[in-house]
Protein backbone atom coordinates (compact mmCIF):
# COMPACT_ATOMS: atom_id res chain seq x y z
CA MET A 1 34.16 -44.72 -7.67
CA VAL A 2 31.96 -42.21 -7.97
CA ALA A 3 29.54 -41.43 -5.87
CA LYS A 4 25.78 -39.54 -5.09
CA VAL A 5 24.00 -38.28 -2.25
CA TYR A 6 20.63 -35.60 -2.89
CA SER A 7 20.68 -32.18 -1.46
CA ALA A 8 19.39 -28.52 -2.30
CA ALA A 9 20.80 -25.31 -2.88
CA ALA A 10 19.12 -21.81 -1.91
CA TRP A 11 17.78 -19.28 -4.64
CA GLY A 12 15.25 -16.64 -3.77
CA VAL A 13 12.99 -18.07 -1.13
CA GLU A 14 12.98 -21.49 -3.04
CA ALA A 15 14.76 -24.87 -3.48
CA CYS A 16 15.43 -26.45 -6.22
CA PRO A 17 17.43 -30.45 -6.35
CA ILE A 18 21.56 -30.51 -6.00
CA GLU A 19 23.42 -33.19 -6.98
CA VAL A 20 26.95 -34.24 -4.32
CA GLU A 21 28.62 -36.56 -6.40
CA ALA A 22 31.96 -37.76 -4.36
CA HIS A 23 34.45 -39.63 -6.28
CA SER A 24 37.62 -40.99 -5.17
CA GLY A 25 41.17 -41.89 -7.42
CA ARG A 26 44.31 -41.95 -7.14
CA GLY A 27 47.21 -39.01 -7.16
CA ASN A 28 48.45 -36.73 -4.82
CA PHE A 29 46.60 -36.50 -2.03
CA CYS A 30 44.10 -32.76 -2.75
CA VAL A 31 41.06 -32.34 -2.20
CA ILE A 32 38.91 -30.46 -5.46
CA VAL A 33 34.93 -28.89 -5.38
CA VAL A 34 33.54 -27.92 -8.37
CA GLY A 35 30.64 -26.82 -9.91
CA LEU A 36 30.56 -22.76 -9.27
CA PRO A 37 31.15 -23.00 -5.56
CA ASP A 38 31.33 -19.48 -2.70
CA ALA A 39 34.15 -19.24 -0.90
CA ALA A 40 32.22 -21.06 2.19
CA VAL A 41 31.68 -24.09 -0.54
CA ARG A 42 35.55 -24.11 -0.94
CA GLU A 43 36.43 -23.76 2.84
CA SER A 44 34.05 -27.22 3.64
CA ARG A 45 36.79 -29.24 2.55
CA ASP A 46 39.59 -28.68 5.11
CA ARG A 47 36.56 -29.18 7.61
CA VAL A 48 34.08 -32.27 5.59
CA LYS A 49 38.44 -33.59 6.52
CA THR A 50 38.71 -33.46 10.69
CA ALA A 51 34.86 -33.95 10.96
CA LEU A 52 35.71 -37.22 9.40
CA GLN A 53 38.45 -37.95 11.22
CA ASN A 54 37.65 -37.42 13.95
CA SER A 55 34.56 -39.20 13.65
CA GLY A 56 36.41 -42.09 12.97
CA PHE A 57 36.64 -42.48 9.86
CA ARG A 58 39.98 -42.28 7.23
CA PHE A 59 39.58 -39.93 4.69
CA PRO A 60 41.12 -40.74 1.55
CA ASP A 61 44.79 -41.06 0.71
CA GLY A 62 44.23 -40.13 -3.37
CA ARG A 63 42.89 -37.18 -5.30
CA VAL A 64 39.15 -36.69 -4.40
CA THR A 65 37.20 -34.78 -6.63
CA ILE A 66 33.88 -33.17 -5.01
CA ASN A 67 31.10 -31.82 -7.79
CA LEU A 68 28.39 -29.67 -7.40
CA ALA A 69 25.72 -29.93 -10.35
CA PRO A 70 24.13 -28.79 -11.96
CA ALA A 71 27.45 -27.19 -12.48
CA ASP A 72 25.55 -23.56 -13.21
CA THR A 73 23.47 -22.88 -10.59
CA LYS A 74 25.46 -21.04 -7.41
CA LYS A 75 26.27 -22.72 -4.40
CA GLU A 76 26.44 -21.22 -1.18
CA GLY A 77 26.95 -21.81 2.23
CA PRO A 78 27.71 -23.88 4.30
CA SER A 79 24.99 -26.79 3.83
CA PHE A 80 26.34 -29.01 1.72
CA GLU A 81 29.16 -29.82 3.96
CA LEU A 82 27.10 -33.28 5.33
CA PRO A 83 26.65 -34.01 1.95
CA ILE A 84 30.03 -34.01 1.00
CA ALA A 85 30.89 -36.08 3.90
CA LEU A 86 29.11 -39.07 2.99
CA GLY A 87 29.48 -38.96 -0.38
CA ILE A 88 33.15 -39.06 0.13
CA LEU A 89 32.37 -42.36 2.74
CA LEU A 90 30.41 -44.32 -0.07
CA SER A 91 32.85 -43.34 -2.34
CA SER A 92 35.62 -44.57 -0.55
CA GLU A 93 33.69 -47.05 0.52
CA GLN A 94 33.68 -46.58 3.85
CA LEU A 95 29.38 -46.79 3.60
CA ARG A 96 27.44 -48.21 1.91
CA TRP A 97 23.82 -46.69 1.72
CA MET A 98 21.17 -48.00 -1.57
CA ASP A 99 18.36 -45.81 -0.29
CA ALA A 100 20.81 -42.95 -0.98
CA HIS A 101 18.98 -41.82 -4.13
CA HIS A 102 15.03 -41.70 -1.57
CA PHE A 103 16.93 -38.72 0.88
CA TRP A 104 17.89 -34.74 0.47
CA VAL A 105 21.23 -34.11 3.62
CA THR A 106 21.30 -31.35 4.48
CA GLY A 107 23.88 -29.74 7.33
CA GLU A 108 26.94 -27.58 8.07
CA LEU A 109 29.77 -29.80 10.39
CA ALA A 110 31.40 -29.12 13.10
CA LEU A 111 35.13 -29.96 13.86
CA ASP A 112 34.07 -32.98 15.94
CA GLY A 113 32.12 -33.99 13.92
CA ALA A 114 28.65 -32.53 14.97
CA VAL A 115 25.60 -31.49 12.57
CA ARG A 116 24.44 -27.65 12.51
CA PRO A 117 22.29 -26.09 11.57
CA VAL A 118 21.95 -24.16 8.44
CA ARG A 119 19.53 -21.90 6.80
CA GLY A 120 15.89 -23.25 4.74
CA VAL A 121 16.12 -26.16 5.55
CA LEU A 122 12.04 -25.43 4.99
CA ALA A 123 12.30 -24.61 1.68
CA MET A 124 14.21 -28.13 0.85
CA ALA A 125 11.70 -29.76 2.56
CA LEU A 126 8.53 -28.42 0.35
CA GLU A 127 11.10 -28.79 -2.89
CA ALA A 128 11.25 -32.36 -1.32
CA ARG A 129 8.25 -33.41 -1.27
CA LYS A 130 7.28 -31.45 -5.07
CA GLN A 131 10.26 -33.39 -6.51
CA GLY A 132 8.15 -37.26 -5.12
CA VAL A 133 11.44 -38.26 -2.57
CA ARG A 134 11.00 -40.06 0.25
CA GLY A 135 13.31 -38.73 3.38
CA ILE A 136 15.34 -35.85 4.04
CA VAL A 137 17.99 -35.44 6.33
CA VAL A 138 18.53 -32.88 7.83
CA PRO A 139 20.63 -31.21 11.67
CA GLU A 140 18.18 -32.37 14.45
CA LYS A 141 17.61 -27.87 15.94
CA ASN A 142 16.18 -28.01 11.78
CA ALA A 143 14.04 -30.71 11.97
CA SER A 144 11.34 -29.35 13.95
CA GLU A 145 11.14 -27.31 10.60
CA ALA A 146 11.64 -30.03 8.09
CA ALA A 147 8.36 -32.28 9.85
CA VAL A 148 5.45 -29.29 9.61
CA VAL A 149 5.67 -30.24 5.51
CA GLU A 150 3.15 -33.79 5.05
CA GLY A 151 4.24 -36.28 3.62
CA LEU A 152 7.71 -36.12 4.00
CA GLU A 153 10.18 -38.84 6.14
CA VAL A 154 12.54 -36.10 8.23
CA ILE A 155 15.51 -37.71 9.81
CA GLY A 156 17.47 -35.55 12.54
CA VAL A 157 21.04 -36.24 13.51
CA GLN A 158 23.24 -34.52 15.72
CA SER A 159 26.36 -35.88 14.38
CA LEU A 160 28.14 -37.33 11.54
CA SER A 161 29.09 -41.10 13.05
CA GLN A 162 25.14 -40.96 13.97
CA CYS A 163 24.55 -40.74 10.62
CA ALA A 164 26.19 -43.24 9.09
CA ALA A 165 25.55 -45.38 11.93
CA TRP A 166 21.48 -44.64 11.07
CA ILE A 167 22.83 -45.06 7.39
CA GLU A 168 22.72 -48.41 8.53
CA GLY A 169 20.95 -49.98 10.77
CA ARG A 170 23.22 -49.43 13.61
CA ALA A 171 21.18 -46.41 14.99
CA ALA A 172 17.14 -45.73 14.82
CA ILE A 173 16.13 -42.41 14.80
CA SER A 174 13.30 -42.20 14.82
CA PRO A 175 11.46 -40.00 12.30
CA VAL A 176 9.67 -36.37 13.60
CA HIS A 177 6.01 -35.13 13.18
CA VAL A 178 4.76 -32.49 13.45
CA ASP A 179 0.91 -31.02 13.73
CA ALA A 180 1.74 -27.69 12.19
CA ALA A 181 -1.54 -27.27 11.99
CA ALA A 182 -2.41 -26.87 15.89
CA ILE A 183 0.62 -24.70 16.46
CA LEU A 184 -0.07 -22.52 14.49
CA ASN A 185 -3.56 -22.14 16.38
CA SER A 186 -2.42 -22.98 19.61
CA ASN A 187 0.27 -19.60 19.90
CA SER A 188 -1.13 -16.83 17.30
CA GLU A 189 -1.70 -14.82 19.80
CA CYS A 190 0.67 -11.66 19.42
CA ASP A 191 1.67 -10.72 23.49
CA GLY A 192 2.87 -7.65 25.45
CA CYS A 193 0.71 -5.10 23.55
CA ASP A 194 -3.13 -4.13 22.52
CA PHE A 195 -5.10 -1.79 21.42
CA SER A 196 -6.42 -0.96 24.47
CA GLU A 197 -3.85 0.45 25.58
CA VAL A 198 -4.12 3.71 23.31
CA HIS A 199 -6.27 6.24 24.82
CA GLY A 200 -8.17 8.59 22.83
CA GLN A 201 -8.12 8.52 18.73
CA LEU A 202 -10.85 7.34 17.65
CA GLN A 203 -11.32 7.58 13.98
CA VAL A 204 -7.50 6.16 13.76
CA LYS A 205 -8.94 3.11 15.48
CA ARG A 206 -11.23 3.27 12.89
CA VAL A 207 -8.61 3.79 9.86
CA LEU A 208 -6.66 1.00 11.17
CA GLU A 209 -10.03 -1.35 11.26
CA ILE A 210 -11.11 -0.82 8.33
CA ALA A 211 -7.24 -1.19 6.96
CA ALA A 212 -6.85 -4.54 8.70
CA ALA A 213 -10.35 -6.18 7.56
CA GLY A 214 -9.32 -4.68 3.82
CA GLY A 215 -5.27 -5.04 4.04
CA HIS A 216 -5.04 -0.89 3.17
CA ASN A 217 -1.63 1.29 3.23
CA VAL A 218 -2.09 3.31 5.55
CA LEU A 219 -0.16 7.04 5.60
CA LEU A 220 -0.08 8.16 9.66
CA VAL A 221 0.38 12.16 10.18
CA GLY A 222 1.15 14.64 13.30
CA PRO A 223 3.49 15.91 15.70
CA PRO A 224 5.69 13.90 17.97
CA GLY A 225 4.43 12.33 21.07
CA SER A 226 0.75 11.93 19.28
CA GLY A 227 1.12 8.14 19.41
CA LYS A 228 1.38 6.55 15.21
CA SER A 229 3.98 4.22 16.41
CA MET A 230 1.67 3.16 19.03
CA LEU A 231 -1.06 2.43 17.04
CA ALA A 232 1.21 0.74 14.55
CA GLN A 233 2.89 -1.56 16.79
CA ARG A 234 -0.68 -3.01 18.18
CA LEU A 235 -2.17 -3.12 14.46
CA PRO A 236 -1.41 -6.61 14.55
CA THR A 237 -3.15 -7.86 17.29
CA ILE A 238 -5.66 -6.69 15.37
CA LEU A 239 -5.17 -8.39 11.82
CA PRO A 240 -6.64 -11.93 11.43
CA LYS A 241 -4.64 -15.34 12.29
CA MET A 242 -1.99 -16.42 9.83
CA THR A 243 -3.45 -19.73 7.57
CA LEU A 244 -1.38 -22.37 7.28
CA ASN A 245 -0.36 -21.38 3.98
CA GLU A 246 0.54 -17.94 4.53
CA ALA A 247 2.72 -19.02 8.23
CA LEU A 248 4.45 -21.68 5.67
CA GLU A 249 5.54 -18.05 3.19
CA VAL A 250 5.88 -16.81 5.79
CA THR A 251 8.30 -19.38 8.62
CA LYS A 252 9.75 -19.92 4.66
CA ILE A 253 11.28 -16.92 3.42
CA HIS A 254 12.67 -16.10 7.23
CA SER A 255 14.46 -19.68 6.87
CA ILE A 256 16.14 -18.05 4.38
CA ALA A 257 17.55 -15.38 5.79
CA GLY A 258 17.93 -17.52 8.44
CA LEU A 259 16.19 -14.90 10.93
CA LEU A 260 14.15 -18.58 12.01
CA PRO A 261 15.36 -19.57 15.91
CA PRO A 262 16.50 -22.91 15.96
CA GLY A 263 14.36 -25.56 16.65
CA GLN A 264 10.85 -23.65 16.12
CA ALA A 265 8.42 -25.49 13.33
CA ILE A 266 6.58 -22.85 12.05
CA ILE A 267 6.28 -18.94 12.47
CA THR A 268 2.59 -17.84 14.17
CA ARG A 269 2.24 -14.59 14.65
CA ARG A 270 2.27 -11.96 10.99
CA PRO A 271 4.82 -9.94 10.62
CA PHE A 272 6.74 -6.97 11.70
CA ARG A 273 8.97 -5.28 10.46
CA SER A 274 10.39 -1.63 11.61
CA PRO A 275 12.94 -0.78 9.46
CA HIS A 276 15.34 2.56 10.50
CA HIS A 277 15.20 4.99 8.41
CA THR A 278 19.11 4.28 7.37
CA VAL A 279 18.64 1.28 5.48
CA SER A 280 19.84 0.65 1.89
CA ASP A 281 17.75 -0.64 -0.79
CA VAL A 282 18.60 -3.46 -0.81
CA GLY A 283 17.80 -4.18 2.71
CA LEU A 284 14.77 -2.25 2.52
CA VAL A 285 13.29 -4.46 -1.04
CA GLY A 286 16.41 -6.87 -1.12
CA GLY A 287 18.83 -8.02 -3.67
CA GLY A 288 23.30 -7.67 -3.21
CA ALA A 289 25.25 -9.41 -4.49
CA ASN A 290 24.35 -12.81 -3.18
CA PRO A 291 20.06 -12.11 -3.85
CA ALA A 292 18.11 -12.43 -0.15
CA PRO A 293 15.27 -10.89 1.06
CA GLY A 294 14.71 -7.57 2.48
CA GLU A 295 12.64 -6.18 4.77
CA VAL A 296 9.20 -5.92 2.67
CA SER A 297 9.55 -9.76 1.80
CA LEU A 298 10.31 -10.52 5.70
CA ALA A 299 7.44 -8.74 6.31
CA HIS A 300 5.20 -10.63 3.79
CA ASN A 301 1.14 -11.75 5.51
CA GLY A 302 2.21 -9.01 7.73
CA VAL A 303 2.80 -4.75 8.33
CA LEU A 304 5.99 -3.48 6.54
CA PHE A 305 6.24 -0.12 9.40
CA LEU A 306 7.66 2.53 7.86
CA ASP A 307 8.72 5.86 10.93
CA GLU A 308 9.43 8.94 9.51
CA LEU A 309 9.25 7.99 6.33
CA PRO A 310 10.42 11.68 4.62
CA GLU A 311 13.86 10.55 5.79
CA PHE A 312 14.21 7.08 4.10
CA ARG A 313 16.75 7.63 1.07
CA ARG A 314 14.20 8.47 -1.73
CA SER A 315 15.57 6.17 -3.64
CA ALA A 316 14.48 3.08 -1.51
CA LEU A 317 10.77 4.82 -1.50
CA GLU A 318 10.21 4.16 -4.75
CA ALA A 319 11.77 0.67 -4.57
CA LEU A 320 8.64 -0.34 -2.83
CA ARG A 321 6.15 1.54 -5.39
CA GLN A 322 6.50 -1.87 -7.31
CA PRO A 323 6.07 -4.30 -4.82
CA LEU A 324 3.34 -2.10 -3.30
CA GLU A 325 1.84 -3.01 -6.48
CA ASP A 326 1.72 -6.17 -7.40
CA GLY A 327 2.60 -8.23 -3.65
CA LYS A 328 6.01 -9.39 -5.43
CA ILE A 329 9.54 -7.67 -5.98
CA CYS A 330 11.08 -9.46 -9.44
CA VAL A 331 15.33 -9.20 -8.55
CA SER A 332 17.17 -9.45 -12.07
CA ARG A 333 20.48 -10.66 -12.16
CA ALA A 334 23.16 -11.62 -15.12
CA ALA A 335 22.59 -15.48 -13.82
CA GLY A 336 18.48 -14.99 -13.71
CA SER A 337 15.32 -13.47 -12.14
CA LEU A 338 14.29 -14.19 -9.13
CA ILE A 339 10.77 -13.54 -7.00
CA PHE A 340 10.28 -12.80 -3.94
CA PRO A 341 6.94 -12.57 -2.22
CA ALA A 342 5.67 -8.75 -0.93
CA ARG A 343 2.45 -8.97 -0.21
CA VAL A 344 2.40 -6.66 2.98
CA MET A 345 -0.28 -3.71 4.37
CA LEU A 346 2.33 -0.86 4.87
CA ILE A 347 2.00 1.52 7.55
CA ALA A 348 4.28 4.99 7.33
CA ALA A 349 4.38 7.57 9.58
CA MET A 350 5.48 11.11 9.23
CA ASN A 351 5.57 14.31 11.17
CA PRO A 352 3.50 16.86 8.80
CA THR A 353 6.54 19.40 9.04
CA PRO A 354 10.23 19.22 10.07
CA ASP A 355 10.09 20.95 13.09
CA GLY A 356 6.34 18.59 13.86
CA LYS A 357 4.26 21.10 14.22
CA MET A 358 1.28 21.35 11.52
CA PRO A 359 1.33 23.54 9.13
CA GLY A 360 -0.66 26.59 10.10
CA GLU A 361 1.39 25.98 13.42
CA SER A 362 4.81 25.57 12.44
CA ARG A 363 8.14 28.05 12.25
CA SER A 364 9.59 26.79 9.61
CA SER A 365 9.60 28.55 6.57
CA PRO A 366 7.05 27.75 3.95
CA LEU A 367 10.31 26.95 1.84
CA GLU A 368 11.07 24.52 4.36
CA ILE A 369 7.80 22.56 4.09
CA ARG A 370 8.14 21.91 0.62
CA ARG A 371 11.74 20.36 0.35
CA TYR A 372 10.52 18.11 3.50
CA LEU A 373 6.98 17.15 2.01
CA ASP A 374 8.60 16.28 -1.45
CA ARG A 375 11.24 13.79 -0.52
CA ILE A 376 7.58 12.11 -0.53
CA SER A 377 6.38 11.03 -4.19
CA GLY A 378 3.40 11.98 -5.55
CA PRO A 379 2.96 7.98 -7.23
CA LEU A 380 4.03 6.54 -3.95
CA LEU A 381 1.43 8.68 -2.23
CA ASP A 382 -1.01 7.36 -4.12
CA ARG A 383 -0.20 3.53 -3.42
CA ILE A 384 -0.98 4.27 -0.27
CA ASP A 385 -4.84 4.03 0.14
CA MET A 386 -5.74 6.27 2.90
CA HIS A 387 -3.87 9.29 5.25
CA VAL A 388 -5.72 9.96 8.99
CA GLU A 389 -4.36 12.86 10.82
CA VAL A 390 -2.66 11.60 14.17
CA PRO A 391 -3.94 14.56 16.40
CA ALA A 392 -1.67 15.42 20.24
CA VAL A 393 -3.57 13.53 22.61
CA ARG A 394 -4.79 15.75 25.20
CA ILE A 395 -2.58 15.29 28.87
CA SER A 396 -6.19 15.35 30.72
CA ASP A 397 -7.56 12.23 28.91
CA LEU A 398 -4.42 10.51 29.68
CA GLN A 399 -5.32 10.91 33.31
CA LYS A 400 -8.72 10.09 32.56
CA GLY A 401 -7.65 7.01 32.00
CA LYS A 402 -10.29 5.16 30.06
CA THR A 403 -8.95 2.60 27.48
CA GLY A 404 -10.79 1.47 24.70
CA GLU A 405 -11.97 -1.14 23.09
CA PRO A 406 -9.19 -4.32 23.54
CA SER A 407 -7.63 -6.33 20.81
CA ALA A 408 -9.75 -9.49 20.98
CA VAL A 409 -13.28 -7.35 19.94
CA VAL A 410 -11.68 -5.47 17.38
CA ARG A 411 -10.15 -8.98 15.51
CA SER A 412 -13.43 -10.09 15.81
CA ARG A 413 -14.90 -7.51 13.82
CA VAL A 414 -11.65 -7.60 11.13
CA GLU A 415 -12.09 -11.17 11.01
CA SER A 416 -16.31 -11.19 10.24
CA ALA A 417 -15.68 -8.58 7.05
CA ARG A 418 -12.51 -11.09 6.08
CA GLU A 419 -14.88 -14.00 5.60
CA VAL A 420 -16.86 -11.88 4.35
CA GLN A 421 -14.16 -11.43 1.84
CA LEU A 422 -12.84 -14.74 0.96
CA GLN A 423 -16.01 -15.79 0.79
CA ARG A 424 -16.24 -14.08 -1.85
CA PHE A 425 -12.79 -14.47 -3.95
CA SER A 426 -13.31 -18.29 -3.50
CA ASN A 427 -12.79 -18.74 -7.24
CA GLU A 428 -9.81 -16.53 -7.01
CA PRO A 429 -6.77 -18.08 -5.25
CA ARG A 430 -4.76 -15.06 -6.32
CA LEU A 431 -7.12 -12.76 -4.30
CA GLY A 432 -6.97 -13.15 -0.48
CA CYS A 433 -8.99 -9.12 0.83
CA ASN A 434 -10.63 -6.15 -0.75
CA ALA A 435 -6.63 -4.33 -1.11
CA HIS A 436 -5.55 -7.59 -3.15
CA MET A 437 -7.83 -6.57 -6.51
CA ALA A 438 -7.09 -4.85 -9.77
CA ALA A 439 -9.69 -3.33 -11.99
CA ARG A 440 -11.41 -6.48 -13.77
CA ASP A 441 -12.22 -7.26 -9.93
CA ILE A 442 -13.14 -3.71 -8.77
CA ARG A 443 -15.66 -3.08 -11.59
CA ARG A 444 -16.98 -6.52 -10.69
CA TRP A 445 -17.46 -6.83 -6.59
CA CYS A 446 -17.87 -2.94 -6.50
CA ASN A 447 -20.54 -1.86 -8.83
CA VAL A 448 -22.23 1.39 -6.82
CA THR A 449 -25.97 2.80 -8.08
CA ASP A 450 -25.47 5.22 -10.56
CA LYS A 451 -27.02 8.45 -8.26
CA LEU A 452 -23.05 7.07 -6.64
CA ARG A 453 -20.62 6.47 -9.34
CA ASP A 454 -22.21 10.84 -10.29
CA LEU A 455 -20.92 11.61 -6.19
CA LEU A 456 -18.07 10.37 -6.85
CA ILE A 457 -16.83 10.90 -9.99
CA HIS A 458 -17.23 14.20 -8.95
CA ALA A 459 -16.02 14.05 -5.66
CA ALA A 460 -12.76 12.82 -7.75
CA GLU A 461 -13.20 16.25 -9.53
CA ASP A 462 -13.19 18.20 -7.27
CA MET A 463 -10.13 16.43 -5.01
CA GLN A 464 -8.23 16.26 -8.22
CA LEU A 465 -7.67 11.98 -7.57
CA SER A 466 -5.91 10.05 -10.10
CA ALA A 467 -7.87 6.64 -11.71
CA ARG A 468 -5.62 4.44 -9.08
CA ALA A 469 -6.83 6.80 -6.08
CA HIS A 470 -10.49 6.24 -7.72
CA ASP A 471 -10.67 2.38 -7.64
CA ARG A 472 -8.91 2.56 -4.37
CA VAL A 473 -11.31 4.63 -2.79
CA LEU A 474 -13.58 2.17 -3.98
CA LYS A 475 -12.31 -0.60 -2.48
CA ILE A 476 -11.72 1.31 0.08
CA ALA A 477 -15.71 1.72 0.32
CA ARG A 478 -15.94 -2.35 -0.05
CA THR A 479 -14.36 -2.85 2.83
CA ILE A 480 -16.11 -0.71 5.08
CA ALA A 481 -19.43 -1.93 3.66
CA ASP A 482 -18.42 -5.09 4.27
CA LEU A 483 -17.48 -4.20 8.34
CA ASP A 484 -20.67 -2.75 8.76
CA GLY A 485 -22.49 -6.32 6.89
CA GLY A 486 -23.62 -4.45 4.09
CA ARG A 487 -23.97 -5.85 0.69
CA GLU A 488 -24.25 -3.55 -1.16
CA ILE A 489 -21.40 0.09 -0.81
CA ARG A 490 -24.23 3.09 0.59
CA GLU A 491 -23.09 6.28 0.21
CA ASP A 492 -22.17 6.66 3.27
CA ASP A 493 -19.39 4.55 2.65
CA ILE A 494 -18.27 6.60 -0.38
CA LEU A 495 -18.23 9.81 1.92
CA GLU A 496 -16.36 8.70 4.41
CA ALA A 497 -13.57 6.17 2.16
CA LEU A 498 -13.06 10.04 0.55
CA GLN A 499 -12.41 11.80 3.43
CA TYR A 500 -9.14 9.09 3.97
CA ARG A 501 -7.79 11.28 1.02
CA ARG A 502 -8.55 14.54 1.53
CA LEU A 503 -4.98 15.21 3.97
CA ASP A 504 -2.52 14.82 1.13
CA ARG A 505 -4.74 17.09 -1.26
CA GLN A 506 -4.48 19.37 2.18
CA LEU A 507 -0.29 19.42 2.93
CA TRP A 508 0.75 18.35 -0.64
CA ALA A 509 -1.64 21.22 -2.42
């Protein structure tokens, strides 16, 4: 007979429904898996057979056919082993499950029948709720991850035999419940670092506060040991707490990538990703033969820190241009196109010259300096909102032991500015902060007087700013006004925003 068990397959950062059809018939013994399975799915035949036998069940003697529908969707990974095993038990009439069509099932099987955790359970749970499914059967270590989705009955199982006993009513398994909002509020503080640990660098701290308030990208240029990496690592401590929807998006991406620790329900802190400069193009922006999220997507709703920016591959940096503009990445393959979210704050750091000194003090020749700086293209620089010099810290300042404002104080100002932006964009769900504004939004929300407009035009012409850079100056000025509690953009806001576009004109002129 033919039996059906329902599951799901990961497609990008989403999940699509899969029907696992099992047929046990007569003929010579063989197990066939069809429906575009990858090597891991094909290998599941032997694991499922051994797990069934070690769980006290009989494996059918004849021809067993497993079909994963729809047949044109590629199936990857070991997550289909539990539904395949249940399908074989149902088709061989060793098990009866009247509610099979109300539940989705996922899980990897060990040889002794234990159910191991798998990737992408949160994406599967979200899709199950969207499809109106009653519940989902998952490995016990994935249960809290799936339970953050409200309105879904989540059953966590430890083994194949326990799952079969629950189906037949011989064992009771209580659905798992998780209060995601409570977890998010109680575990969102960053540990181990604070803004007060950075001595001096008041201007750079001001720039990072503006960047955090408006979601802007920043380029830090300074000699080695000036604190560029230290400042970037502490930026997440002044960012506003994630909302529940943002946390779900981040958790879903990390679950698909296999980076969510077993048993953890939800990621509560904004991501901070700092890939090494040897990262490949695919590793940075995502893709590959089996498309997976890259570093820029893993940093979604958080910070992507690129230290030693000129040392990255030119092609990898150029691949960032589109996601920095659109907040997403479209990966096209013959089988179809995938969209990976990539709404990040880019913080880049670099030395001003090959030997780390400012151009006037460097021993490098002008040609060597030019070649070093030309590793970063003008279009990429144009997409970085603010450029700031990070001077070397004097040893005397370090010895004085003076500390700056703690992260909590700075974050309170940032959150106040973000609250102003949320109210401003309350009817525009696509906009979360000032950095997300498009040209039409800038014309609406960044109005200036005729006098300030003339000032900005003359400054843009003198500095040879592009149209994109002009718009970003207005967005930065809008953020500065929000931080200071102003409803209108003032002259001081425009002048301060303009000075954050001067460094690239000096170094790359």
